[in-house]
Amino acid sequence: AASGFTFSNNSMSWYRQAPGKQRELVASIT
């Protein structure tokens, strides 16, 4: 859930970080 900006204008992304690993991009939507 997003707030504080014009959500419809922004691309959004999901990242994940496993123990001992770098954060990685999972998916994005424009």
Full PDB file with SEQRES, HELIX, SHEET, SSBOND, CRYST1, ORIGX, SCALE, CONECT and MASTER records, all heavy atoms in Angstrom:
SEQRES   1 A   30  ALA ALA SER GLY PHE THR PHE SER ASN ASN SER MET SER          
SEQRES   2 A   30  TRP TYR ARG GLN ALA PRO GLY LYS GLN ARG GLU LEU VAL          
SEQRES   3 A   30  ALA SER ILE THR                                              
HELIX    1 AA1 PHE A    7  ASN A    9  5                                   3    
SHEET    1 AA1 2 MET A  12  ARG A  16  0                                        
SHEET    2 AA1 2 GLU A  24  ILE A  29 -1                                        
CRYST1    1.000    1.000    1.000  90.00  90.00  90.00 P 1           1          
ORIGX1      1.000000  0.000000  0.000000        0.00000                         
ORIGX2      0.000000  1.000000  0.000000        0.00000                         
ORIGX3      0.000000  0.000000  1.000000        0.00000                         
SCALE1      1.000000  0.000000  0.000000        0.00000                         
SCALE2      0.000000  1.000000  0.000000        0.00000                         
SCALE3      0.000000  0.000000  1.000000        0.00000                         
ATOM      1  N   ALA A   1       0.843  -1.196   0.000  1.00  0.00           N  
ATOM      2  CA  ALA A   1       0.000   0.000   0.000  1.00  0.00           C  
ATOM      3  C   ALA A   1       0.876   1.243   0.000  1.00  0.00           C  
ATOM      4  O   ALA A   1       1.774   1.371   0.844  1.00  0.00           O  
ATOM      5  CB  ALA A   1      -0.908  -0.012   1.223  1.00  0.00           C  
ATOM      6  N   ALA A   2       0.621   2.128  -0.949  1.00  0.00           N  
ATOM      7  CA  ALA A   2       1.462   3.312  -1.126  1.00  0.00           C  
ATOM      8  C   ALA A   2       0.713   4.585  -0.744  1.00  0.00           C  
ATOM      9  O   ALA A   2      -0.515   4.664  -0.890  1.00  0.00           O  
ATOM     10  CB  ALA A   2       1.913   3.408  -2.576  1.00  0.00           C  
ATOM     11  N   SER A   3       1.450   5.567  -0.272  1.00  0.00           N  
ATOM     12  CA  SER A   3       0.879   6.876   0.031  1.00  0.00           C  
ATOM     13  C   SER A   3       1.975   7.923  -0.044  1.00  0.00           C  
ATOM     14  O   SER A   3       3.164   7.610  -0.032  1.00  0.00           O  
ATOM     15  CB  SER A   3       0.227   6.872   1.418  1.00  0.00           C  
ATOM     16  OG  SER A   3       1.186   6.601   2.417  1.00  0.00           O  
ATOM     17  N   GLY A   4       1.529   9.183  -0.154  1.00  0.00           N  
ATOM     18  CA  GLY A   4       2.481  10.287  -0.139  1.00  0.00           C  
ATOM     19  C   GLY A   4       3.012  10.708  -1.493  1.00  0.00           C  
ATOM     20  O   GLY A   4       3.878  11.591  -1.572  1.00  0.00           O  
ATOM     21  N   PHE A   5       2.502  10.093  -2.564  1.00  0.00           N  
ATOM     22  CA  PHE A   5       2.911  10.476  -3.912  1.00  0.00           C  
ATOM     23  C   PHE A   5       1.803  10.063  -4.880  1.00  0.00           C  
ATOM     24  O   PHE A   5       0.866   9.351  -4.502  1.00  0.00           O  
ATOM     25  CB  PHE A   5       4.243   9.836  -4.295  1.00  0.00           C  
ATOM     26  CG  PHE A   5       4.237   8.339  -4.359  1.00  0.00           C  
ATOM     27  CD1 PHE A   5       4.150   7.669  -5.573  1.00  0.00           C  
ATOM     28  CD2 PHE A   5       4.319   7.567  -3.200  1.00  0.00           C  
ATOM     29  CE1 PHE A   5       4.151   6.277  -5.636  1.00  0.00           C  
ATOM     30  CE2 PHE A   5       4.320   6.189  -3.246  1.00  0.00           C  
ATOM     31  CZ  PHE A   5       4.236   5.533  -4.464  1.00  0.00           C  
ATOM     32  N   THR A   6       1.923  10.510  -6.125  1.00  0.00           N  
ATOM     33  CA  THR A   6       0.911  10.199  -7.132  1.00  0.00           C  
ATOM     34  C   THR A   6       1.189   8.800  -7.669  1.00  0.00           C  
ATOM     35  O   THR A   6       1.954   8.619  -8.624  1.00  0.00           O  
ATOM     36  CB  THR A   6       0.920  11.241  -8.267  1.00  0.00           C  
ATOM     37  OG1 THR A   6       0.779  12.547  -7.697  1.00  0.00           O  
ATOM     38  CG2 THR A   6      -0.238  10.981  -9.222  1.00  0.00           C  
ATOM     39  N   PHE A   7       0.553   7.828  -7.055  1.00  0.00           N  
ATOM     40  CA  PHE A   7       0.845   6.415  -7.322  1.00  0.00           C  
ATOM     41  C   PHE A   7       0.712   6.081  -8.805  1.00  0.00           C  
ATOM     42  O   PHE A   7       1.557   5.402  -9.365  1.00  0.00           O  
ATOM     43  CB  PHE A   7      -0.112   5.553  -6.497  1.00  0.00           C  
ATOM     44  CG  PHE A   7       0.062   4.083  -6.693  1.00  0.00           C  
ATOM     45  CD1 PHE A   7       1.072   3.389  -6.034  1.00  0.00           C  
ATOM     46  CD2 PHE A   7      -0.796   3.376  -7.536  1.00  0.00           C  
ATOM     47  CE1 PHE A   7       1.230   2.024  -6.210  1.00  0.00           C  
ATOM     48  CE2 PHE A   7      -0.650   2.010  -7.708  1.00  0.00           C  
ATOM     49  CZ  PHE A   7       0.368   1.333  -7.042  1.00  0.00           C  
ATOM     50  N   SER A   8      -0.336   6.576  -9.429  1.00  0.00           N  
ATOM     51  CA  SER A   8      -0.613   6.178 -10.810  1.00  0.00           C  
ATOM     52  C   SER A   8       0.479   6.629 -11.784  1.00  0.00           C  
ATOM     53  O   SER A   8       0.575   6.092 -12.889  1.00  0.00           O  
ATOM     54  CB  SER A   8      -1.963   6.725 -11.262  1.00  0.00           C  
ATOM     55  OG  SER A   8      -1.979   8.137 -11.169  1.00  0.00           O  
ATOM     56  N   ASN A   9       1.295   7.588 -11.391  1.00  0.00           N  
ATOM     57  CA  ASN A   9       2.345   8.103 -12.272  1.00  0.00           C  
ATOM     58  C   ASN A   9       3.654   7.347 -12.163  1.00  0.00           C  
ATOM     59  O   ASN A   9       4.561   7.569 -12.968  1.00  0.00           O  
ATOM     60  CB  ASN A   9       2.631   9.575 -11.962  1.00  0.00           C  
ATOM     61  CG  ASN A   9       1.517  10.491 -12.408  1.00  0.00           C  
ATOM     62  OD1 ASN A   9       0.583  10.063 -13.079  1.00  0.00           O  
ATOM     63  ND2 ASN A   9       1.605  11.744 -12.014  1.00  0.00           N  
ATOM     64  N   ASN A  10       3.745   6.461 -11.169  1.00  0.00           N  
ATOM     65  CA  ASN A  10       5.031   5.843 -10.846  1.00  0.00           C  
ATOM     66  C   ASN A  10       5.123   4.374 -11.211  1.00  0.00           C  
ATOM     67  O   ASN A  10       4.169   3.612 -11.007  1.00  0.00           O  
ATOM     68  CB  ASN A  10       5.310   5.975  -9.345  1.00  0.00           C  
ATOM     69  CG  ASN A  10       6.004   7.267  -9.011  1.00  0.00           C  
ATOM     70  OD1 ASN A  10       5.593   8.319  -9.459  1.00  0.00           O  
ATOM     71  ND2 ASN A  10       7.078   7.164  -8.246  1.00  0.00           N  
ATOM     72  N   SER A  11       6.298   3.985 -11.723  1.00  0.00           N  
ATOM     73  CA  SER A  11       6.610   2.569 -11.803  1.00  0.00           C  
ATOM     74  C   SER A  11       6.818   2.039 -10.386  1.00  0.00           C  
ATOM     75  O   SER A  11       7.270   2.764  -9.494  1.00  0.00           O  
ATOM     76  CB  SER A  11       7.888   2.343 -12.607  1.00  0.00           C  
ATOM     77  OG  SER A  11       7.709   2.712 -13.959  1.00  0.00           O  
ATOM     78  N   MET A  12       6.463   0.777 -10.212  1.00  0.00           N  
ATOM     79  CA  MET A  12       6.610   0.121  -8.914  1.00  0.00           C  
ATOM     80  C   MET A  12       7.365  -1.186  -9.097  1.00  0.00           C  
ATOM     81  O   MET A  12       7.244  -1.830 -10.151  1.00  0.00           O  
ATOM     82  CB  MET A  12       5.239  -0.166  -8.285  1.00  0.00           C  
ATOM     83  CG  MET A  12       4.376   1.062  -8.067  1.00  0.00           C  
ATOM     84  SD  MET A  12       5.069   2.201  -6.855  1.00  0.00           S  
ATOM     85  CE  MET A  12       5.116   1.165  -5.378  1.00  0.00           C  
ATOM     86  N   SER A  13       8.105  -1.562  -8.078  1.00  0.00           N  
ATOM     87  CA  SER A  13       8.918  -2.774  -8.178  1.00  0.00           C  
ATOM     88  C   SER A  13       8.861  -3.582  -6.892  1.00  0.00           C  
ATOM     89  O   SER A  13       8.606  -3.037  -5.813  1.00  0.00           O  
ATOM     90  CB  SER A  13      10.381  -2.422  -8.466  1.00  0.00           C  
ATOM     91  OG  SER A  13      10.518  -1.723  -9.679  1.00  0.00           O  
ATOM     92  N   TRP A  14       9.102  -4.880  -7.049  1.00  0.00           N  
ATOM     93  CA  TRP A  14       9.326  -5.773  -5.918  1.00  0.00           C  
ATOM     94  C   TRP A  14      10.768  -6.267  -5.991  1.00  0.00           C  
ATOM     95  O   TRP A  14      11.232  -6.692  -7.052  1.00  0.00           O  
ATOM     96  CB  TRP A  14       8.384  -6.968  -5.965  1.00  0.00           C  
ATOM     97  CG  TRP A  14       6.983  -6.666  -5.579  1.00  0.00           C  
ATOM     98  CD1 TRP A  14       5.918  -6.405  -6.392  1.00  0.00           C  
ATOM     99  CD2 TRP A  14       6.465  -6.592  -4.242  1.00  0.00           C  
ATOM    100  NE1 TRP A  14       4.793  -6.174  -5.663  1.00  0.00           N  
ATOM    101  CE2 TRP A  14       5.093  -6.292  -4.330  1.00  0.00           C  
ATOM    102  CE3 TRP A  14       7.028  -6.761  -2.973  1.00  0.00           C  
ATOM    103  CZ2 TRP A  14       4.262  -6.151  -3.210  1.00  0.00           C  
ATOM    104  CZ3 TRP A  14       6.213  -6.623  -1.866  1.00  0.00           C  
ATOM    105  CH2 TRP A  14       4.851  -6.323  -1.990  1.00  0.00           C  
ATOM    106  N   TYR A  15      11.447  -6.193  -4.858  1.00  0.00           N  
ATOM    107  CA  TYR A  15      12.788  -6.733  -4.702  1.00  0.00           C  
ATOM    108  C   TYR A  15      12.749  -7.800  -3.600  1.00  0.00           C  
ATOM    109  O   TYR A  15      11.797  -7.867  -2.816  1.00  0.00           O  
ATOM    110  CB  TYR A  15      13.770  -5.634  -4.278  1.00  0.00           C  
ATOM    111  CG  TYR A  15      14.167  -4.674  -5.351  1.00  0.00           C  
ATOM    112  CD1 TYR A  15      13.298  -3.667  -5.775  1.00  0.00           C  
ATOM    113  CD2 TYR A  15      15.422  -4.731  -5.944  1.00  0.00           C  
ATOM    114  CE1 TYR A  15      13.676  -2.767  -6.766  1.00  0.00           C  
ATOM    115  CE2 TYR A  15      15.812  -3.838  -6.919  1.00  0.00           C  
ATOM    116  CZ  TYR A  15      14.933  -2.853  -7.319  1.00  0.00           C  
ATOM    117  OH  TYR A  15      15.322  -1.950  -8.300  1.00  0.00           O  
ATOM    118  N   ARG A  16      13.799  -8.581  -3.529  1.00  0.00           N  
ATOM    119  CA  ARG A  16      13.931  -9.528  -2.418  1.00  0.00           C  
ATOM    120  C   ARG A  16      15.394  -9.641  -2.018  1.00  0.00           C  
ATOM    121  O   ARG A  16      16.287  -9.419  -2.830  1.00  0.00           O  
ATOM    122  CB  ARG A  16      13.358 -10.893  -2.779  1.00  0.00           C  
ATOM    123  CG  ARG A  16      14.133 -11.659  -3.841  1.00  0.00           C  
ATOM    124  CD  ARG A  16      13.399 -12.944  -4.195  1.00  0.00           C  
ATOM    125  NE  ARG A  16      14.111 -13.715  -5.213  1.00  0.00           N  
ATOM    126  CZ  ARG A  16      13.612 -14.805  -5.787  1.00  0.00           C  
ATOM    127  NH1 ARG A  16      12.406 -15.273  -5.437  1.00  0.00           N  
ATOM    128  NH2 ARG A  16      14.321 -15.458  -6.705  1.00  0.00           N  
ATOM    129  N   GLN A  17      15.572  -9.993  -0.755  1.00  0.00           N  
ATOM    130  CA  GLN A  17      16.917 -10.194  -0.237  1.00  0.00           C  
ATOM    131  C   GLN A  17      16.929 -11.431   0.644  1.00  0.00           C  
ATOM    132  O   GLN A  17      16.255 -11.472   1.677  1.00  0.00           O  
ATOM    133  CB  GLN A  17      17.405  -8.976   0.545  1.00  0.00           C  
ATOM    134  CG  GLN A  17      18.862  -9.071   0.951  1.00  0.00           C  
ATOM    135  CD  GLN A  17      19.415  -7.743   1.420  1.00  0.00           C  
ATOM    136  OE1 GLN A  17      18.690  -6.826   1.782  1.00  0.00           O  
ATOM    137  NE2 GLN A  17      20.740  -7.623   1.396  1.00  0.00           N  
ATOM    138  N   ALA A  18      17.687 -12.418   0.208  1.00  0.00           N  
ATOM    139  CA  ALA A  18      17.856 -13.654   0.988  1.00  0.00           C  
ATOM    140  C   ALA A  18      19.052 -13.488   1.916  1.00  0.00           C  
ATOM    141  O   ALA A  18      19.941 -12.670   1.661  1.00  0.00           O  
ATOM    142  CB  ALA A  18      18.065 -14.830   0.041  1.00  0.00           C  
ATOM    143  N   PRO A  19      19.101 -14.264   2.992  1.00  0.00           N  
ATOM    144  CA  PRO A  19      20.225 -14.162   3.936  1.00  0.00           C  
ATOM    145  C   PRO A  19      21.563 -14.352   3.228  1.00  0.00           C  
ATOM    146  O   PRO A  19      21.747 -15.303   2.468  1.00  0.00           O  
ATOM    147  CB  PRO A  19      19.950 -15.300   4.917  1.00  0.00           C  
ATOM    148  CG  PRO A  19      18.480 -15.506   4.855  1.00  0.00           C  
ATOM    149  CD  PRO A  19      18.092 -15.236   3.440  1.00  0.00           C  
ATOM    150  N   GLY A  20      22.481 -13.415   3.462  1.00  0.00           N  
ATOM    151  CA  GLY A  20      23.816 -13.517   2.896  1.00  0.00           C  
ATOM    152  C   GLY A  20      23.913 -13.156   1.431  1.00  0.00           C  
ATOM    153  O   GLY A  20      24.975 -13.311   0.821  1.00  0.00           O  
ATOM    154  N   LYS A  21      22.817 -12.680   0.845  1.00  0.00           N  
ATOM    155  CA  LYS A  21      22.820 -12.333  -0.575  1.00  0.00           C  
ATOM    156  C   LYS A  21      22.446 -10.882  -0.775  1.00  0.00           C  
ATOM    157  O   LYS A  21      21.875 -10.242   0.108  1.00  0.00           O  
ATOM    158  CB  LYS A  21      21.850 -13.235  -1.346  1.00  0.00           C  
ATOM    159  CG  LYS A  21      22.257 -14.691  -1.366  1.00  0.00           C  
ATOM    160  CD  LYS A  21      21.376 -15.494  -2.299  1.00  0.00           C  
ATOM    161  CE  LYS A  21      21.823 -16.935  -2.401  1.00  0.00           C  
ATOM    162  NZ  LYS A  21      20.978 -17.736  -3.331  1.00  0.00           N  
ATOM    163  N   GLN A  22      22.768 -10.374  -1.961  1.00  0.00           N  
ATOM    164  CA  GLN A  22      22.403  -9.000  -2.293  1.00  0.00           C  
ATOM    165  C   GLN A  22      20.925  -8.900  -2.637  1.00  0.00           C  
ATOM    166  O   GLN A  22      20.303  -9.875  -3.069  1.00  0.00           O  
ATOM    167  CB  GLN A  22      23.254  -8.516  -3.476  1.00  0.00           C  
ATOM    168  CG  GLN A  22      24.703  -8.274  -3.140  1.00  0.00           C  
ATOM    169  CD  GLN A  22      25.436  -7.562  -4.257  1.00  0.00           C  
ATOM    170  OE1 GLN A  22      25.078  -7.681  -5.424  1.00  0.00           O  
ATOM    171  NE2 GLN A  22      26.464  -6.815  -3.906  1.00  0.00           N  
ATOM    172  N   ARG A  23      20.382  -7.724  -2.433  1.00  0.00           N  
ATOM    173  CA  ARG A  23      18.998  -7.481  -2.820  1.00  0.00           C  
ATOM    174  C   ARG A  23      18.897  -7.566  -4.345  1.00  0.00           C  
ATOM    175  O   ARG A  23      19.740  -7.027  -5.060  1.00  0.00           O  
ATOM    176  CB  ARG A  23      18.557  -6.103  -2.321  1.00  0.00           C  
ATOM    177  CG  ARG A  23      17.076  -5.851  -2.404  1.00  0.00           C  
ATOM    178  CD  ARG A  23      16.707  -4.569  -1.684  1.00  0.00           C  
ATOM    179  NE  ARG A  23      16.984  -4.635  -0.242  1.00  0.00           N  
ATOM    180  CZ  ARG A  23      16.564  -3.717   0.625  1.00  0.00           C  
ATOM    181  NH1 ARG A  23      15.859  -2.673   0.209  1.00  0.00           N  
ATOM    182  NH2 ARG A  23      16.869  -3.841   1.895  1.00  0.00           N  
ATOM    183  N   GLU A  24      17.852  -8.230  -4.828  1.00  0.00           N  
ATOM    184  CA  GLU A  24      17.685  -8.398  -6.269  1.00  0.00           C  
ATOM    185  C   GLU A  24      16.289  -7.997  -6.710  1.00  0.00           C  
ATOM    186  O   GLU A  24      15.315  -8.158  -5.970  1.00  0.00           O  
ATOM    187  CB  GLU A  24      17.948  -9.858  -6.688  1.00  0.00           C  
ATOM    188  CG  GLU A  24      16.988 -10.870  -6.110  1.00  0.00           C  
ATOM    189  CD  GLU A  24      17.172 -12.272  -6.675  1.00  0.00           C  
ATOM    190  OE1 GLU A  24      17.919 -12.445  -7.656  1.00  0.00           O  
ATOM    191  OE2 GLU A  24      16.546 -13.204  -6.142  1.00  0.00           O  
ATOM    192  N   LEU A  25      16.215  -7.497  -7.938  1.00  0.00           N  
ATOM    193  CA  LEU A  25      14.931  -7.119  -8.514  1.00  0.00           C  
ATOM    194  C   LEU A  25      14.159  -8.377  -8.911  1.00  0.00           C  
ATOM    195  O   LEU A  25      14.695  -9.239  -9.594  1.00  0.00           O  
ATOM    196  CB  LEU A  25      15.160  -6.233  -9.739  1.00  0.00           C  
ATOM    197  CG  LEU A  25      13.926  -5.790 -10.503  1.00  0.00           C  
ATOM    198  CD1 LEU A  25      13.018  -4.924  -9.639  1.00  0.00           C  
ATOM    199  CD2 LEU A  25      14.341  -5.034 -11.764  1.00  0.00           C  
ATOM    200  N   VAL A  26      12.909  -8.439  -8.477  1.00  0.00           N  
ATOM    201  CA  VAL A  26      12.050  -9.590  -8.784  1.00  0.00           C  
ATOM    202  C   VAL A  26      11.113  -9.263  -9.939  1.00  0.00           C  
ATOM    203  O   VAL A  26      11.000 -10.027 -10.901  1.00  0.00           O  
ATOM    204  CB  VAL A  26      11.236  -9.995  -7.548  1.00  0.00           C  
ATOM    205  CG1 VAL A  26      10.252 -11.111  -7.894  1.00  0.00           C  
ATOM    206  CG2 VAL A  26      12.156 -10.434  -6.414  1.00  0.00           C  
ATOM    207  N   ALA A  27      10.421  -8.129  -9.832  1.00  0.00           N  
ATOM    208  CA  ALA A  27       9.440  -7.768 -10.847  1.00  0.00           C  
ATOM    209  C   ALA A  27       9.185  -6.272 -10.784  1.00  0.00           C  
ATOM    210  O   ALA A  27       9.350  -5.650  -9.732  1.00  0.00           O  
ATOM    211  CB  ALA A  27       8.129  -8.529 -10.632  1.00  0.00           C  
ATOM    212  N   SER A  28       8.769  -5.719 -11.917  1.00  0.00           N  
ATOM    213  CA  SER A  28       8.431  -4.309 -11.952  1.00  0.00           C  
ATOM    214  C   SER A  28       7.242  -4.088 -12.874  1.00  0.00           C  
ATOM    215  O   SER A  28       6.960  -4.912 -13.760  1.00  0.00           O  
ATOM    216  CB  SER A  28       9.618  -3.471 -12.417  1.00  0.00           C  
ATOM    217  OG  SER A  28      10.022  -3.863 -13.716  1.00  0.00           O  
ATOM    218  N   ILE A  29       6.540  -2.977 -12.641  1.00  0.00           N  
ATOM    219  CA  ILE A  29       5.386  -2.617 -13.462  1.00  0.00           C  
ATOM    220  C   ILE A  29       5.410  -1.110 -13.661  1.00  0.00           C  
ATOM    221  O   ILE A  29       5.570  -0.346 -12.705  1.00  0.00           O  
ATOM    222  CB  ILE A  29       4.076  -3.113 -12.821  1.00  0.00           C  
ATOM    223  CG1 ILE A  29       2.891  -2.834 -13.742  1.00  0.00           C  
ATOM    224  CG2 ILE A  29       3.861  -2.531 -11.424  1.00  0.00           C  
ATOM    225  CD1 ILE A  29       1.614  -3.594 -13.320  1.00  0.00           C  
ATOM    226  N   THR A  30       5.262  -0.695 -14.907  1.00  0.00           N  
ATOM    227  CA  THR A  30       5.276   0.732 -15.200  1.00  0.00           C  
ATOM    228  C   THR A  30       3.917   1.356 -14.911  1.00  0.00           C  
ATOM    229  O   THR A  30       2.935   0.663 -14.633  1.00  0.00           O  
ATOM    230  CB  THR A  30       5.639   0.979 -16.669  1.00  0.00           C  
ATOM    231  OG1 THR A  30       4.562   0.491 -17.488  1.00  0.00           O  
ATOM    232  CG2 THR A  30       6.936   0.292 -17.050  1.00  0.00           C  
TER     233      THR A  30                                                      
MASTER        0    0    0    1    2    0    0    6  232    1    0    3          
END                                                                             
